[in-house]
Amino acid sequence: MRRAIALPLLASLLLLGACREAKVTSYRAPKDKTDELPPAMSAGSSTNAPTLPGAAANRPDMAATAVPTASGADLTWSAPERWKPKPPAAMRKGSYAVSGAEGAEADLSITAFPGDVGGELANVNRWRGQIQLPPLNQGDLATATTRLTANGLEFVVVDFVSPSANKPTRILGAMVPYQGATWFFKLTGPDALVAAAKPEFLAFLQTVRPPAP
């Protein structure tokens, strides 16, 4: 009788042990931040633009990322004499330091990327996000931008100031399509300095032109 009871009990213990050994611990792997797309490449944006790492949204002009720069013929320009050329930087076609009073300095960057990089609205909102401004909607775009035509190129120009009451930052930006790519000209720095340099910036855009045939 005891033997008859012991056999089922032993079988149950063996089965329970096997189940415990077969148990698998699962977990959710953290999402790689490089899988996240910046605002300029969010759902619904143009498929002509490259896939950009998420970190690019927080880096001015997407520097130091794996985004390819535009190939082909480059635009040319003439910078104001007082703008000091800076050493070559990753992803930039050109860089200048624009100095002001009391050691203040603004950064002029020139970049170019294949396609429309998400379109006008997405790129405007990327710049706004860099100085903590809320995004615009499509209906706001016309009043937030101006158009400038020079040397056969049509620029979209913006002028934004950060909401910071302490040390506001200003962005003067211009984008222009050229031969299947989009070129970006952006002056970033202290509000007063960039505002004072605006006439120079607009005059500088008038010098941008395609290379001579």
N, C-alpha and C. Protein backbone atom coordinates (compact mmCIF):
# COMPACT_ATOMS: atom_id res chain seq x y z
N MET A 1 0.83 -1.19 0.00
CA MET A 1 0.00 0.00 0.00
C MET A 1 0.87 1.25 0.00
N ARG A 2 1.88 1.31 0.89
CA ARG A 2 2.79 2.46 0.93
C ARG A 2 3.53 2.61 -0.39
N ARG A 3 3.89 1.49 -1.00
CA ARG A 3 4.61 1.54 -2.28
C ARG A 3 3.73 2.13 -3.38
N ALA A 4 2.42 1.79 -3.33
CA ALA A 4 1.49 2.30 -4.32
C ALA A 4 1.34 3.81 -4.20
N ILE A 5 1.36 4.33 -2.96
CA ILE A 5 1.24 5.78 -2.74
C ILE A 5 2.54 6.48 -3.12
N ALA A 6 3.67 5.86 -2.84
CA ALA A 6 4.97 6.48 -3.07
C ALA A 6 5.26 6.70 -4.55
N LEU A 7 4.84 5.76 -5.40
CA LEU A 7 5.14 5.88 -6.82
C LEU A 7 4.51 7.12 -7.47
N PRO A 8 3.19 7.38 -7.26
CA PRO A 8 2.62 8.62 -7.83
C PRO A 8 3.26 9.87 -7.25
N LEU A 9 3.61 9.82 -5.93
CA LEU A 9 4.23 10.99 -5.30
C LEU A 9 5.59 11.28 -5.92
N LEU A 10 6.36 10.22 -6.16
CA LEU A 10 7.68 10.38 -6.77
C LEU A 10 7.56 10.94 -8.19
N ALA A 11 6.57 10.46 -8.94
CA ALA A 11 6.36 10.95 -10.31
C ALA A 11 6.00 12.43 -10.32
N SER A 12 5.18 12.84 -9.32
CA SER A 12 4.78 14.25 -9.24
C SER A 12 5.97 15.15 -8.95
N LEU A 13 6.85 14.66 -8.04
CA LEU A 13 8.04 15.45 -7.69
C LEU A 13 8.97 15.60 -8.89
N LEU A 14 9.16 14.54 -9.67
CA LEU A 14 10.01 14.60 -10.85
C LEU A 14 9.44 15.55 -11.89
N LEU A 15 8.11 15.52 -12.09
CA LEU A 15 7.46 16.40 -13.06
C LEU A 15 7.60 17.86 -12.65
N LEU A 16 7.44 18.15 -11.35
CA LEU A 16 7.57 19.53 -10.84
C LEU A 16 8.98 20.05 -11.04
N GLY A 17 9.98 19.20 -10.81
CA GLY A 17 11.38 19.61 -11.01
C GLY A 17 11.66 19.93 -12.46
N ALA A 18 11.11 19.14 -13.37
CA ALA A 18 11.33 19.39 -14.80
C ALA A 18 10.73 20.71 -15.23
N CYS A 19 9.57 21.05 -14.68
CA CYS A 19 8.92 22.32 -15.02
C CYS A 19 9.74 23.50 -14.54
N ARG A 20 10.31 23.34 -13.33
CA ARG A 20 11.13 24.43 -12.81
C ARG A 20 12.37 24.66 -13.66
N GLU A 21 12.98 23.55 -14.15
CA GLU A 21 14.19 23.69 -14.97
C GLU A 21 13.86 24.32 -16.32
N ALA A 22 12.61 24.10 -16.81
CA ALA A 22 12.26 24.59 -18.14
C ALA A 22 11.81 26.04 -18.11
N LYS A 23 11.63 26.63 -16.93
CA LYS A 23 11.14 27.99 -16.81
C LYS A 23 12.17 28.97 -17.38
N VAL A 24 11.73 29.93 -18.26
CA VAL A 24 12.63 30.88 -18.88
C VAL A 24 12.28 32.27 -18.38
N THR A 25 13.29 33.04 -17.96
CA THR A 25 13.07 34.40 -17.53
C THR A 25 13.13 35.32 -18.73
N SER A 26 12.10 36.15 -18.91
CA SER A 26 12.07 37.06 -20.04
C SER A 26 12.17 38.49 -19.55
N TYR A 27 12.62 39.42 -20.45
CA TYR A 27 12.70 40.83 -20.10
C TYR A 27 12.57 41.63 -21.39
N ARG A 28 12.23 42.90 -21.25
CA ARG A 28 12.11 43.78 -22.41
C ARG A 28 13.41 44.56 -22.57
N ALA A 29 14.06 44.37 -23.70
CA ALA A 29 15.32 45.06 -23.93
C ALA A 29 15.06 46.54 -24.11
N PRO A 30 15.90 47.40 -23.52
CA PRO A 30 15.72 48.83 -23.71
C PRO A 30 15.90 49.23 -25.17
N LYS A 31 15.06 50.16 -25.64
CA LYS A 31 15.13 50.59 -27.04
C LYS A 31 16.36 51.44 -27.27
N ASP A 32 17.07 51.11 -28.33
CA ASP A 32 18.24 51.89 -28.69
C ASP A 32 17.79 53.27 -29.15
N LYS A 33 18.35 54.31 -28.57
CA LYS A 33 17.93 55.67 -28.90
C LYS A 33 18.19 56.02 -30.35
N THR A 34 19.08 55.29 -31.00
CA THR A 34 19.34 55.59 -32.40
C THR A 34 18.19 55.14 -33.28
N ASP A 35 17.23 54.36 -32.71
CA ASP A 35 16.07 53.96 -33.49
C ASP A 35 15.01 55.06 -33.53
N GLU A 36 15.13 56.06 -32.66
CA GLU A 36 14.14 57.12 -32.60
C GLU A 36 14.45 58.16 -33.67
N LEU A 37 13.41 58.65 -34.33
CA LEU A 37 13.60 59.63 -35.39
C LEU A 37 13.38 61.03 -34.85
N PRO A 38 14.16 61.99 -35.32
CA PRO A 38 13.97 63.38 -34.90
C PRO A 38 12.72 63.95 -35.53
N PRO A 39 12.26 65.13 -35.09
CA PRO A 39 11.04 65.71 -35.64
C PRO A 39 11.05 65.81 -37.15
N ALA A 40 12.21 66.11 -37.74
CA ALA A 40 12.27 66.30 -39.18
C ALA A 40 12.03 65.01 -39.94
N MET A 41 12.06 63.86 -39.28
CA MET A 41 11.89 62.59 -39.96
C MET A 41 10.75 61.78 -39.33
N SER A 42 9.81 62.43 -38.69
CA SER A 42 8.71 61.73 -38.04
C SER A 42 7.75 61.19 -39.09
N ALA A 43 6.78 60.39 -38.63
CA ALA A 43 5.83 59.78 -39.55
C ALA A 43 5.14 60.85 -40.37
N GLY A 44 4.99 60.58 -41.65
CA GLY A 44 4.33 61.52 -42.52
C GLY A 44 5.27 62.46 -43.23
N SER A 45 6.55 62.43 -42.89
CA SER A 45 7.50 63.31 -43.56
C SER A 45 7.91 62.70 -44.89
N SER A 46 8.62 63.48 -45.68
CA SER A 46 9.00 63.04 -47.02
C SER A 46 9.88 61.81 -46.97
N THR A 47 9.66 60.90 -47.89
CA THR A 47 10.49 59.70 -47.96
C THR A 47 11.78 59.96 -48.71
N ASN A 48 11.95 61.19 -49.22
CA ASN A 48 13.18 61.51 -49.94
C ASN A 48 14.33 61.82 -48.99
N ALA A 49 14.02 62.07 -47.71
CA ALA A 49 15.06 62.47 -46.77
C ALA A 49 15.72 61.25 -46.17
N PRO A 50 16.99 61.37 -45.72
CA PRO A 50 17.69 60.24 -45.12
C PRO A 50 17.16 59.93 -43.74
N THR A 51 17.35 58.70 -43.28
CA THR A 51 16.98 58.33 -41.92
C THR A 51 18.03 58.85 -40.97
N LEU A 52 17.62 59.71 -40.03
CA LEU A 52 18.56 60.36 -39.14
C LEU A 52 18.49 59.75 -37.76
N PRO A 53 19.63 59.56 -37.07
CA PRO A 53 19.61 59.07 -35.70
C PRO A 53 18.88 60.06 -34.81
N GLY A 54 18.23 59.56 -33.75
CA GLY A 54 17.47 60.42 -32.86
C GLY A 54 18.33 61.48 -32.22
N ALA A 55 19.60 61.19 -31.96
CA ALA A 55 20.47 62.18 -31.33
C ALA A 55 20.63 63.40 -32.19
N ALA A 56 20.39 63.28 -33.49
CA ALA A 56 20.61 64.42 -34.37
C ALA A 56 19.68 65.58 -34.05
N ALA A 57 18.49 65.30 -33.53
CA ALA A 57 17.55 66.37 -33.24
C ALA A 57 18.07 67.31 -32.19
N ASN A 58 18.96 66.86 -31.34
CA ASN A 58 19.49 67.69 -30.27
C ASN A 58 20.88 68.22 -30.55
N ARG A 59 21.38 68.00 -31.76
CA ARG A 59 22.70 68.49 -32.12
C ARG A 59 22.56 69.51 -33.23
N PRO A 60 23.06 70.72 -33.05
CA PRO A 60 22.94 71.71 -34.11
C PRO A 60 23.46 71.18 -35.43
N ASP A 61 22.59 71.30 -36.48
CA ASP A 61 22.96 70.88 -37.83
C ASP A 61 23.33 69.41 -37.93
N MET A 62 22.91 68.62 -36.94
CA MET A 62 23.11 67.17 -37.00
C MET A 62 24.57 66.79 -37.11
N ALA A 63 25.45 67.57 -36.53
CA ALA A 63 26.88 67.29 -36.61
C ALA A 63 27.23 66.00 -35.90
N ALA A 64 28.28 65.35 -36.32
CA ALA A 64 28.82 64.13 -35.72
C ALA A 64 27.84 62.97 -35.76
N THR A 65 26.97 62.91 -36.78
CA THR A 65 26.07 61.78 -36.94
C THR A 65 26.45 61.03 -38.22
N ALA A 66 25.70 59.95 -38.50
CA ALA A 66 25.99 59.15 -39.68
C ALA A 66 25.24 59.65 -40.91
N VAL A 67 24.69 60.85 -40.85
CA VAL A 67 23.92 61.37 -41.98
C VAL A 67 24.87 61.79 -43.09
N PRO A 68 24.64 61.33 -44.32
CA PRO A 68 25.54 61.72 -45.41
C PRO A 68 25.31 63.16 -45.82
N THR A 69 26.37 63.89 -46.11
CA THR A 69 26.21 65.23 -46.66
C THR A 69 25.89 65.12 -48.15
N ALA A 70 25.36 66.21 -48.67
CA ALA A 70 24.99 66.20 -50.08
C ALA A 70 26.24 66.11 -50.94
N SER A 71 26.14 65.35 -52.03
CA SER A 71 27.25 65.23 -52.96
C SER A 71 26.96 66.09 -54.18
N GLY A 72 27.87 66.12 -55.09
CA GLY A 72 27.67 66.92 -56.29
C GLY A 72 28.27 68.30 -56.13
N ALA A 73 27.93 69.18 -57.07
CA ALA A 73 28.50 70.52 -57.08
C ALA A 73 28.05 71.30 -55.85
N ASP A 74 28.98 72.04 -55.26
CA ASP A 74 28.67 72.85 -54.09
C ASP A 74 28.26 74.26 -54.49
N LEU A 75 27.44 74.88 -53.65
CA LEU A 75 27.17 76.30 -53.80
C LEU A 75 28.42 77.08 -53.38
N THR A 76 28.53 78.29 -53.83
CA THR A 76 29.64 79.15 -53.42
C THR A 76 29.08 80.41 -52.78
N TRP A 77 29.90 81.14 -52.03
CA TRP A 77 29.45 82.34 -51.34
C TRP A 77 30.65 83.22 -51.01
N SER A 78 30.34 84.45 -50.60
CA SER A 78 31.36 85.38 -50.13
C SER A 78 30.95 85.85 -48.73
N ALA A 79 31.73 85.48 -47.73
CA ALA A 79 31.41 85.85 -46.36
C ALA A 79 31.94 87.24 -46.04
N PRO A 80 31.27 87.97 -45.15
CA PRO A 80 31.79 89.28 -44.72
C PRO A 80 33.20 89.14 -44.17
N GLU A 81 34.00 90.16 -44.38
CA GLU A 81 35.41 90.10 -44.00
C GLU A 81 35.59 89.87 -42.50
N ARG A 82 34.69 90.42 -41.69
CA ARG A 82 34.87 90.28 -40.25
C ARG A 82 34.44 88.91 -39.72
N TRP A 83 33.77 88.09 -40.55
CA TRP A 83 33.46 86.73 -40.14
C TRP A 83 34.73 85.89 -40.25
N LYS A 84 35.10 85.26 -39.18
CA LYS A 84 36.34 84.50 -39.16
C LYS A 84 36.09 83.02 -39.48
N PRO A 85 36.72 82.51 -40.53
CA PRO A 85 36.55 81.08 -40.85
C PRO A 85 37.00 80.21 -39.68
N LYS A 86 36.24 79.14 -39.43
CA LYS A 86 36.57 78.20 -38.38
C LYS A 86 37.13 76.92 -39.01
N PRO A 87 37.86 76.12 -38.24
CA PRO A 87 38.39 74.87 -38.78
C PRO A 87 37.26 73.97 -39.29
N PRO A 88 37.56 73.11 -40.26
CA PRO A 88 36.54 72.19 -40.78
C PRO A 88 35.90 71.39 -39.65
N ALA A 89 34.59 71.19 -39.75
CA ALA A 89 33.84 70.43 -38.74
C ALA A 89 33.03 69.34 -39.43
N ALA A 90 32.76 68.28 -38.69
CA ALA A 90 31.99 67.15 -39.24
C ALA A 90 30.65 67.63 -39.77
N MET A 91 30.30 67.19 -40.94
CA MET A 91 29.03 67.42 -41.60
C MET A 91 28.83 68.84 -42.10
N ARG A 92 29.80 69.72 -41.93
CA ARG A 92 29.62 71.11 -42.35
C ARG A 92 30.33 71.40 -43.68
N LYS A 93 29.69 72.22 -44.48
CA LYS A 93 30.31 72.72 -45.71
C LYS A 93 31.13 73.98 -45.42
N GLY A 94 30.80 74.66 -44.32
CA GLY A 94 31.51 75.86 -43.94
C GLY A 94 31.14 76.29 -42.55
N SER A 95 32.04 77.01 -41.86
CA SER A 95 31.81 77.49 -40.50
C SER A 95 32.50 78.83 -40.32
N TYR A 96 31.81 79.75 -39.63
CA TYR A 96 32.38 81.07 -39.35
C TYR A 96 32.04 81.48 -37.92
N ALA A 97 32.94 82.23 -37.32
CA ALA A 97 32.69 82.84 -36.02
C ALA A 97 32.36 84.31 -36.26
N VAL A 98 31.25 84.75 -35.67
CA VAL A 98 30.82 86.14 -35.80
C VAL A 98 30.93 86.78 -34.43
N SER A 99 31.84 87.72 -34.27
CA SER A 99 32.13 88.31 -32.96
C SER A 99 31.31 89.56 -32.71
N GLY A 100 31.09 89.82 -31.40
CA GLY A 100 30.37 91.01 -30.99
C GLY A 100 31.06 91.67 -29.83
N ALA A 101 30.34 92.54 -29.14
CA ALA A 101 30.90 93.29 -28.01
C ALA A 101 31.12 92.37 -26.82
N GLU A 102 32.12 92.73 -26.02
CA GLU A 102 32.42 92.04 -24.76
C GLU A 102 32.66 90.54 -24.93
N GLY A 103 33.29 90.18 -26.03
CA GLY A 103 33.65 88.78 -26.26
C GLY A 103 32.53 87.88 -26.72
N ALA A 104 31.36 88.44 -26.98
CA ALA A 104 30.24 87.61 -27.45
C ALA A 104 30.56 87.04 -28.83
N GLU A 105 30.07 85.85 -29.10
CA GLU A 105 30.35 85.19 -30.37
C GLU A 105 29.15 84.37 -30.82
N ALA A 106 28.87 84.43 -32.11
CA ALA A 106 27.82 83.61 -32.73
C ALA A 106 28.47 82.66 -33.72
N ASP A 107 27.75 81.59 -34.04
CA ASP A 107 28.27 80.55 -34.93
C ASP A 107 27.46 80.52 -36.21
N LEU A 108 28.14 80.63 -37.33
CA LEU A 108 27.50 80.51 -38.64
C LEU A 108 27.87 79.15 -39.22
N SER A 109 26.89 78.31 -39.43
CA SER A 109 27.13 76.97 -39.98
C SER A 109 26.46 76.83 -41.33
N ILE A 110 27.11 76.08 -42.21
CA ILE A 110 26.58 75.79 -43.54
C ILE A 110 26.62 74.28 -43.73
N THR A 111 25.46 73.69 -43.96
CA THR A 111 25.38 72.24 -44.14
C THR A 111 24.50 71.92 -45.35
N ALA A 112 24.59 70.72 -45.86
CA ALA A 112 23.76 70.29 -46.98
C ALA A 112 23.50 68.80 -46.86
N PHE A 113 22.24 68.39 -47.09
CA PHE A 113 21.86 66.99 -46.96
C PHE A 113 20.96 66.58 -48.12
N PRO A 114 21.02 65.31 -48.50
CA PRO A 114 20.22 64.85 -49.63
C PRO A 114 18.72 64.99 -49.36
N GLY A 115 17.95 65.23 -50.40
CA GLY A 115 16.50 65.30 -50.27
C GLY A 115 16.04 66.57 -49.60
N ASP A 116 14.80 66.54 -49.07
CA ASP A 116 14.26 67.73 -48.42
C ASP A 116 14.37 67.66 -46.90
N VAL A 117 14.96 66.58 -46.38
CA VAL A 117 15.20 66.40 -44.94
C VAL A 117 13.92 66.63 -44.14
N GLY A 118 12.80 66.17 -44.68
CA GLY A 118 11.53 66.25 -43.96
C GLY A 118 10.63 67.37 -44.41
N GLY A 119 11.16 68.34 -45.14
CA GLY A 119 10.35 69.44 -45.62
C GLY A 119 10.51 70.70 -44.79
N GLU A 120 9.98 71.81 -45.29
CA GLU A 120 10.16 73.11 -44.65
C GLU A 120 9.67 73.13 -43.20
N LEU A 121 8.45 72.67 -42.98
CA LEU A 121 7.88 72.75 -41.63
C LEU A 121 8.71 71.96 -40.63
N ALA A 122 9.10 70.76 -40.99
CA ALA A 122 9.87 69.93 -40.07
C ALA A 122 11.22 70.56 -39.75
N ASN A 123 11.86 71.14 -40.73
CA ASN A 123 13.16 71.76 -40.49
C ASN A 123 13.04 73.05 -39.68
N VAL A 124 12.01 73.83 -39.94
CA VAL A 124 11.76 75.02 -39.12
C VAL A 124 11.53 74.62 -37.67
N ASN A 125 10.74 73.58 -37.47
CA ASN A 125 10.46 73.14 -36.10
C ASN A 125 11.68 72.52 -35.43
N ARG A 126 12.58 71.93 -36.21
CA ARG A 126 13.82 71.42 -35.62
C ARG A 126 14.64 72.56 -35.06
N TRP A 127 14.73 73.65 -35.83
CA TRP A 127 15.45 74.82 -35.34
C TRP A 127 14.76 75.43 -34.12
N ARG A 128 13.45 75.49 -34.14
CA ARG A 128 12.73 76.04 -32.99
C ARG A 128 12.98 75.19 -31.75
N GLY A 129 13.00 73.88 -31.92
CA GLY A 129 13.25 73.00 -30.79
C GLY A 129 14.63 73.19 -30.18
N GLN A 130 15.59 73.59 -30.99
CA GLN A 130 16.95 73.78 -30.49
C GLN A 130 17.05 74.95 -29.52
N ILE A 131 16.08 75.87 -29.55
CA ILE A 131 16.08 76.98 -28.59
C ILE A 131 14.80 76.99 -27.75
N GLN A 132 14.25 75.77 -27.55
CA GLN A 132 13.14 75.56 -26.63
C GLN A 132 11.87 76.31 -27.01
N LEU A 133 11.61 76.48 -28.29
CA LEU A 133 10.36 77.06 -28.75
C LEU A 133 9.41 75.94 -29.17
N PRO A 134 8.10 76.11 -28.99
CA PRO A 134 7.16 75.07 -29.39
C PRO A 134 7.08 74.96 -30.91
N PRO A 135 6.68 73.81 -31.41
CA PRO A 135 6.57 73.63 -32.86
C PRO A 135 5.42 74.44 -33.45
N LEU A 136 5.57 74.79 -34.70
CA LEU A 136 4.51 75.46 -35.44
C LEU A 136 3.67 74.42 -36.18
N ASN A 137 2.47 74.80 -36.59
CA ASN A 137 1.71 73.95 -37.49
C ASN A 137 1.79 74.52 -38.90
N GLN A 138 1.27 73.79 -39.86
CA GLN A 138 1.40 74.20 -41.26
C GLN A 138 0.82 75.59 -41.50
N GLY A 139 -0.27 75.91 -40.81
CA GLY A 139 -0.90 77.20 -41.00
C GLY A 139 -0.07 78.37 -40.52
N ASP A 140 0.89 78.12 -39.61
CA ASP A 140 1.75 79.18 -39.08
C ASP A 140 2.97 79.44 -39.95
N LEU A 141 3.26 78.53 -40.86
CA LEU A 141 4.54 78.57 -41.57
C LEU A 141 4.70 79.84 -42.40
N ALA A 142 3.63 80.27 -43.07
CA ALA A 142 3.74 81.44 -43.95
C ALA A 142 4.11 82.70 -43.19
N THR A 143 3.54 82.88 -42.00
CA THR A 143 3.84 84.10 -41.23
C THR A 143 5.15 84.00 -40.47
N ALA A 144 5.69 82.79 -40.29
CA ALA A 144 6.93 82.60 -39.54
C ALA A 144 8.16 82.60 -40.45
N THR A 145 7.96 82.66 -41.76
CA THR A 145 9.08 82.61 -42.70
C THR A 145 8.99 83.76 -43.70
N THR A 146 10.12 84.08 -44.29
CA THR A 146 10.15 85.02 -45.41
C THR A 146 10.88 84.36 -46.56
N ARG A 147 10.65 84.86 -47.77
CA ARG A 147 11.28 84.30 -48.96
C ARG A 147 12.27 85.30 -49.54
N LEU A 148 13.40 84.79 -49.94
CA LEU A 148 14.44 85.63 -50.52
C LEU A 148 14.97 84.92 -51.76
N THR A 149 14.96 85.61 -52.88
CA THR A 149 15.45 85.04 -54.14
C THR A 149 16.74 85.74 -54.55
N ALA A 150 17.76 84.94 -54.83
CA ALA A 150 19.05 85.50 -55.26
C ALA A 150 19.77 84.49 -56.14
N ASN A 151 20.28 84.95 -57.25
CA ASN A 151 21.10 84.11 -58.14
C ASN A 151 20.41 82.81 -58.55
N GLY A 152 19.10 82.90 -58.77
CA GLY A 152 18.35 81.74 -59.19
C GLY A 152 17.98 80.78 -58.07
N LEU A 153 18.29 81.13 -56.82
CA LEU A 153 17.98 80.29 -55.66
C LEU A 153 16.87 80.94 -54.84
N GLU A 154 15.97 80.14 -54.29
CA GLU A 154 14.90 80.67 -53.43
C GLU A 154 15.09 80.18 -52.01
N PHE A 155 15.41 81.10 -51.12
CA PHE A 155 15.66 80.79 -49.72
C PHE A 155 14.39 80.95 -48.89
N VAL A 156 14.25 80.07 -47.90
CA VAL A 156 13.24 80.24 -46.86
C VAL A 156 14.00 80.72 -45.62
N VAL A 157 13.65 81.88 -45.10
CA VAL A 157 14.41 82.51 -44.02
C VAL A 157 13.56 82.60 -42.76
N VAL A 158 14.18 82.29 -41.61
CA VAL A 158 13.48 82.38 -40.32
C VAL A 158 14.32 83.18 -39.34
N ASP A 159 13.66 83.73 -38.34
CA ASP A 159 14.32 84.51 -37.29
C ASP A 159 13.59 84.21 -35.99
N PHE A 160 14.22 83.42 -35.10
CA PHE A 160 13.58 82.99 -33.86
C PHE A 160 14.44 83.36 -32.66
N VAL A 161 13.78 83.71 -31.56
CA VAL A 161 14.46 84.03 -30.30
C VAL A 161 13.93 83.09 -29.22
N SER A 162 14.83 82.54 -28.42
CA SER A 162 14.43 81.62 -27.35
C SER A 162 13.62 82.37 -26.30
N PRO A 163 12.78 81.65 -25.55
CA PRO A 163 11.96 82.28 -24.51
C PRO A 163 12.72 82.61 -23.24
N SER A 164 14.00 82.30 -23.17
CA SER A 164 14.79 82.54 -21.97
C SER A 164 14.88 84.03 -21.67
N ALA A 165 14.53 84.42 -20.44
CA ALA A 165 14.60 85.83 -20.05
C ALA A 165 16.01 86.20 -19.62
N ASN A 166 16.83 85.22 -19.29
CA ASN A 166 18.16 85.48 -18.77
C ASN A 166 19.16 85.75 -19.90
N LYS A 167 19.46 84.73 -20.70
CA LYS A 167 20.39 84.87 -21.82
C LYS A 167 19.73 84.29 -23.07
N PRO A 168 18.83 85.05 -23.69
CA PRO A 168 18.12 84.52 -24.86
C PRO A 168 19.06 84.24 -26.03
N THR A 169 18.77 83.16 -26.73
CA THR A 169 19.52 82.77 -27.92
C THR A 169 18.67 83.06 -29.16
N ARG A 170 19.32 83.48 -30.20
CA ARG A 170 18.60 83.78 -31.45
C ARG A 170 19.13 82.91 -32.57
N ILE A 171 18.23 82.47 -33.43
CA ILE A 171 18.61 81.72 -34.64
C ILE A 171 18.12 82.49 -35.85
N LEU A 172 19.04 82.83 -36.72
CA LEU A 172 18.73 83.30 -38.06
C LEU A 172 19.04 82.13 -38.99
N GLY A 173 18.05 81.62 -39.67
CA GLY A 173 18.29 80.45 -40.50
C GLY A 173 17.73 80.63 -41.90
N ALA A 174 18.36 79.96 -42.84
CA ALA A 174 17.87 79.97 -44.22
C ALA A 174 18.10 78.59 -44.81
N MET A 175 17.13 78.12 -45.56
CA MET A 175 17.28 76.83 -46.25
C MET A 175 16.96 77.03 -47.72
N VAL A 176 17.63 76.29 -48.57
CA VAL A 176 17.42 76.42 -50.01
C VAL A 176 17.62 75.07 -50.70
N PRO A 177 16.68 74.65 -51.53
CA PRO A 177 16.88 73.41 -52.29
C PRO A 177 17.83 73.66 -53.46
N TYR A 178 18.68 72.67 -53.71
CA TYR A 178 19.63 72.80 -54.82
C TYR A 178 20.05 71.42 -55.29
N GLN A 179 19.73 71.10 -56.54
CA GLN A 179 20.13 69.84 -57.18
C GLN A 179 19.83 68.61 -56.33
N GLY A 180 18.59 68.50 -55.87
CA GLY A 180 18.17 67.31 -55.12
C GLY A 180 18.62 67.27 -53.68
N ALA A 181 19.19 68.35 -53.18
CA ALA A 181 19.62 68.43 -51.78
C ALA A 181 19.03 69.69 -51.15
N THR A 182 19.17 69.80 -49.84
CA THR A 182 18.76 71.02 -49.14
C THR A 182 19.97 71.58 -48.40
N TRP A 183 20.23 72.86 -48.63
CA TRP A 183 21.33 73.55 -47.97
C TRP A 183 20.78 74.40 -46.83
N PHE A 184 21.52 74.43 -45.72
CA PHE A 184 21.10 75.16 -44.53
C PHE A 184 22.20 76.16 -44.14
N PHE A 185 21.79 77.40 -43.93
CA PHE A 185 22.68 78.46 -43.45
C PHE A 185 22.09 78.94 -42.13
N LYS A 186 22.84 78.80 -41.05
CA LYS A 186 22.26 79.11 -39.74
C LYS A 186 23.24 79.89 -38.88
N LEU A 187 22.78 81.03 -38.39
CA LEU A 187 23.56 81.86 -37.47
C LEU A 187 22.91 81.75 -36.09
N THR A 188 23.67 81.25 -35.12
CA THR A 188 23.16 81.03 -33.77
C THR A 188 24.05 81.72 -32.76
N GLY A 189 23.43 82.40 -31.80
CA GLY A 189 24.22 83.05 -30.77
C GLY A 189 23.37 83.93 -29.89
N PRO A 190 24.00 84.77 -29.07
CA PRO A 190 23.26 85.67 -28.19
C PRO A 190 22.29 86.55 -28.99
N ASP A 191 21.13 86.78 -28.43
CA ASP A 191 20.07 87.52 -29.12
C ASP A 191 20.56 88.83 -29.71
N ALA A 192 21.17 89.69 -28.90
CA ALA A 192 21.57 91.01 -29.36
C ALA A 192 22.60 90.94 -30.48
N LEU A 193 23.55 90.02 -30.36
CA LEU A 193 24.60 89.90 -31.37
C LEU A 193 24.03 89.44 -32.70
N VAL A 194 23.19 88.41 -32.67
CA VAL A 194 22.63 87.88 -33.91
C VAL A 194 21.68 88.90 -34.55
N ALA A 195 20.91 89.61 -33.74
CA ALA A 195 20.03 90.65 -34.27
C ALA A 195 20.83 91.73 -34.98
N ALA A 196 21.96 92.13 -34.38
CA ALA A 196 22.80 93.16 -35.00
C ALA A 196 23.43 92.67 -36.30
N ALA A 197 23.67 91.36 -36.39
CA ALA A 197 24.31 90.78 -37.58
C ALA A 197 23.31 90.42 -38.67
N LYS A 198 22.01 90.65 -38.43
CA LYS A 198 21.00 90.25 -39.41
C LYS A 198 21.20 90.90 -40.77
N PRO A 199 21.46 92.21 -40.86
CA PRO A 199 21.70 92.78 -42.20
C PRO A 199 22.86 92.11 -42.93
N GLU A 200 23.93 91.80 -42.19
CA GLU A 200 25.07 91.09 -42.78
C GLU A 200 24.66 89.71 -43.27
N PHE A 201 23.87 89.02 -42.47
CA PHE A 201 23.43 87.67 -42.82
C PHE A 201 22.61 87.69 -44.11
N LEU A 202 21.68 88.63 -44.20
CA LEU A 202 20.83 88.70 -45.39
C LEU A 202 21.65 89.10 -46.62
N ALA A 203 22.62 90.00 -46.42
CA ALA A 203 23.51 90.35 -47.53
C ALA A 203 24.37 89.16 -47.94
N PHE A 204 24.80 88.37 -46.96
CA PHE A 204 25.58 87.16 -47.24
C PHE A 204 24.79 86.18 -48.10
N LEU A 205 23.50 86.01 -47.79
CA LEU A 205 22.67 85.10 -48.58
C LEU A 205 22.60 85.54 -50.04
N GLN A 206 22.67 86.84 -50.26
CA GLN A 206 22.62 87.36 -51.64
C GLN A 206 23.85 86.96 -52.44
N THR A 207 24.94 86.55 -51.76
CA THR A 207 26.16 86.15 -52.46
C THR A 207 26.18 84.66 -52.78
N VAL A 208 25.27 83.89 -52.19
CA VAL A 208 25.27 82.44 -52.41
C VAL A 208 24.79 82.17 -53.84
N ARG A 209 25.54 81.34 -54.53
CA ARG A 209 25.21 81.09 -55.94
C ARG A 209 25.72 79.71 -56.35
N PRO A 210 25.11 79.14 -57.40
CA PRO A 210 25.65 77.90 -57.97
C PRO A 210 27.01 78.17 -58.59
N PRO A 211 27.84 77.14 -58.71
CA PRO A 211 29.16 77.33 -59.34
C PRO A 211 29.01 77.74 -60.80
N ALA A 212 29.98 78.47 -61.26
CA ALA A 212 29.95 78.91 -62.65
C ALA A 212 30.02 77.70 -63.59
N PRO A 213 29.28 77.72 -64.68
CA PRO A 213 29.31 76.57 -65.62
C PRO A 213 30.67 76.43 -66.29
